[in-house]
Amino acid sequence: NFGTALRISNVEMKTFMRNGIGQLREGNVFLEPIFFTRMRLSDTWQLQYTSSGNFGLNNRKFMSAGNSLFTIGAVVNIGGARNKKGHTE
């Protein structure tokens, strides 16, 4: 199975120091579309990989968007109901 999610984050600085000198604080709103895919290896195990990137809505000098992200993980089903075919949902 596969899917898409959209994460929205509002980030504000409390303090901002550069070389021991206080700077103007910045804030930004980030949008992060996340795409994921799961592959069933068995009734218990699934392999999941996700990819995403983030985009800052405001043009800032220091608090700007970061890098793209790719992750691989395992999903373990430790229970759950069985469907008509006998597979865990």
C-alpha atoms as a PDB file:
ATOM      1  CA  ASN A   1       0.000   0.000   0.000  1.00  0.00           C
ATOM      2  CA  PHE A   2       1.047   3.622  -0.378  1.00  0.00           C
ATOM      3  CA  GLY A   3      -0.006   7.113   0.600  1.00  0.00           C
ATOM      4  CA  THR A   4       0.751  10.793   0.898  1.00  0.00           C
ATOM      5  CA  ALA A   5       0.678  13.165   3.863  1.00  0.00           C
ATOM      6  CA  LEU A   6       1.285  16.895   4.210  1.00  0.00           C
ATOM      7  CA  ARG A   7       2.990  18.174   7.348  1.00  0.00           C
ATOM      8  CA  ILE A   8       2.828  21.895   8.165  1.00  0.00           C
ATOM      9  CA  SER A   9       5.165  23.336  10.815  1.00  0.00           C
ATOM     10  CA  ASN A  10       5.326  26.857  12.243  1.00  0.00           C
ATOM     11  CA  VAL A  11       8.794  27.441  13.720  1.00  0.00           C
ATOM     12  CA  GLU A  12       9.774  30.528  15.746  1.00  0.00           C
ATOM     13  CA  MET A  13      13.132  31.328  17.386  1.00  0.00           C
ATOM     14  CA  LYS A  14      13.234  32.142  21.100  1.00  0.00           C
ATOM     15  CA  THR A  15      16.786  33.494  21.026  1.00  0.00           C
ATOM     16  CA  PHE A  16      19.289  33.789  18.200  1.00  0.00           C
ATOM     17  CA  MET A  17      22.992  34.302  18.899  1.00  0.00           C
ATOM     18  CA  ARG A  18      25.796  34.474  16.336  1.00  0.00           C
ATOM     19  CA  ASN A  19      29.369  34.734  17.602  1.00  0.00           C
ATOM     20  CA  GLY A  20      28.009  35.698  21.019  1.00  0.00           C
ATOM     21  CA  ILE A  21      25.966  38.608  19.634  1.00  0.00           C
ATOM     22  CA  GLY A  22      22.181  38.652  19.759  1.00  0.00           C
ATOM     23  CA  GLN A  23      20.501  38.733  16.335  1.00  0.00           C
ATOM     24  CA  LEU A  24      16.993  39.485  15.136  1.00  0.00           C
ATOM     25  CA  ARG A  25      14.790  36.453  15.627  1.00  0.00           C
ATOM     26  CA  GLU A  26      13.262  34.738  12.626  1.00  0.00           C
ATOM     27  CA  GLY A  27      10.319  32.456  12.053  1.00  0.00           C
ATOM     28  CA  ASN A  28       9.030  30.465   9.130  1.00  0.00           C
ATOM     29  CA  VAL A  29       6.233  28.161   8.056  1.00  0.00           C
ATOM     30  CA  PHE A  30       7.360  24.913   6.439  1.00  0.00           C
ATOM     31  CA  LEU A  31       5.373  22.601   4.172  1.00  0.00           C
ATOM     32  CA  GLU A  32       6.582  19.006   3.922  1.00  0.00           C
ATOM     33  CA  PRO A  33       4.867  16.623   1.509  1.00  0.00           C
ATOM     34  CA  ILE A  34       5.574  13.035   2.566  1.00  0.00           C
ATOM     35  CA  PHE A  35       5.230  10.041   0.248  1.00  0.00           C
ATOM     36  CA  PHE A  36       5.330   6.523   1.667  1.00  0.00           C
ATOM     37  CA  THR A  37       5.119   2.983   0.339  1.00  0.00           C
ATOM     38  CA  ARG A  38       4.768  -0.255   2.283  1.00  0.00           C
ATOM     39  CA  MET A  39       5.565  -3.698   0.929  1.00  0.00           C
ATOM     40  CA  ARG A  40       4.216  -6.751   2.767  1.00  0.00           C
ATOM     41  CA  LEU A  41       6.961  -9.293   3.393  1.00  0.00           C
ATOM     42  CA  SER A  42       4.804 -11.601   5.542  1.00  0.00           C
ATOM     43  CA  ASP A  43       1.693 -11.414   7.716  1.00  0.00           C
ATOM     44  CA  THR A  44       3.826  -9.851  10.450  1.00  0.00           C
ATOM     45  CA  TRP A  45       6.478  -7.792   8.629  1.00  0.00           C
ATOM     46  CA  GLN A  46       6.244  -4.878   6.188  1.00  0.00           C
ATOM     47  CA  LEU A  47       9.025  -2.830   4.628  1.00  0.00           C
ATOM     48  CA  GLN A  48       8.293   0.911   4.498  1.00  0.00           C
ATOM     49  CA  TYR A  49      10.160   3.686   2.745  1.00  0.00           C
ATOM     50  CA  THR A  50       9.355   7.372   2.764  1.00  0.00           C
ATOM     51  CA  SER A  51      10.626  10.353   0.832  1.00  0.00           C
ATOM     52  CA  SER A  52       9.971  14.006   1.483  1.00  0.00           C
ATOM     53  CA  GLY A  53      11.358  17.496   1.188  1.00  0.00           C
ATOM     54  CA  ASN A  54      10.423  20.737   2.897  1.00  0.00           C
ATOM     55  CA  PHE A  55       9.637  24.165   1.560  1.00  0.00           C
ATOM     56  CA  GLY A  56       9.691  27.424   3.514  1.00  0.00           C
ATOM     57  CA  LEU A  57       6.831  29.818   2.787  1.00  0.00           C
ATOM     58  CA  ASN A  58       8.814  32.892   3.882  1.00  0.00           C
ATOM     59  CA  ASN A  59      12.145  34.065   2.499  1.00  0.00           C
ATOM     60  CA  ARG A  60      14.514  34.144   5.500  1.00  0.00           C
ATOM     61  CA  LYS A  61      18.264  34.613   5.774  1.00  0.00           C
ATOM     62  CA  PHE A  62      18.894  31.893   8.368  1.00  0.00           C
ATOM     63  CA  MET A  63      15.710  29.904   8.957  1.00  0.00           C
ATOM     64  CA  SER A  64      15.196  28.466   5.499  1.00  0.00           C
ATOM     65  CA  ALA A  65      14.078  25.080   4.203  1.00  0.00           C
ATOM     66  CA  GLY A  66      16.347  22.094   4.724  1.00  0.00           C
ATOM     67  CA  ASN A  67      17.277  19.039   2.722  1.00  0.00           C
ATOM     68  CA  SER A  68      15.175  16.268   1.266  1.00  0.00           C
ATOM     69  CA  LEU A  69      14.736  13.097   3.291  1.00  0.00           C
ATOM     70  CA  PHE A  70      14.636   9.383   2.462  1.00  0.00           C
ATOM     71  CA  THR A  71      14.033   6.715   5.102  1.00  0.00           C
ATOM     72  CA  ILE A  72      13.671   2.945   5.157  1.00  0.00           C
ATOM     73  CA  GLY A  73      12.010   1.165   8.051  1.00  0.00           C
ATOM     74  CA  ALA A  74      10.246  -1.971   9.196  1.00  0.00           C
ATOM     75  CA  VAL A  75       6.646  -2.221  10.353  1.00  0.00           C
ATOM     76  CA  VAL A  76       5.841  -5.097  12.712  1.00  0.00           C
ATOM     77  CA  ASN A  77       2.248  -6.171  13.294  1.00  0.00           C
ATOM     78  CA  ILE A  78       1.890  -7.440  16.866  1.00  0.00           C
ATOM     79  CA  GLY A  79      -1.776  -8.386  16.788  1.00  0.00           C
ATOM     80  CA  GLY A  80      -4.652  -7.013  14.798  1.00  0.00           C
ATOM     81  CA  ALA A  81      -7.718  -8.555  13.257  1.00  0.00           C
ATOM     82  CA  ARG A  82      -7.552 -11.205  10.559  1.00  0.00           C
ATOM     83  CA  ASN A  83      -9.420 -10.641   7.314  1.00  0.00           C
ATOM     84  CA  LYS A  84     -11.370 -13.296   5.377  1.00  0.00           C
ATOM     85  CA  LYS A  85      -8.201 -14.495   3.632  1.00  0.00           C
ATOM     86  CA  GLY A  86      -6.471 -15.038   6.979  1.00  0.00           C
ATOM     87  CA  HIS A  87      -4.091 -12.093   6.616  1.00  0.00           C
ATOM     88  CA  THR A  88      -3.590  -9.584   9.424  1.00  0.00           C
ATOM     89  CA  GLU A  89      -4.975  -6.109   8.726  1.00  0.00           C
END
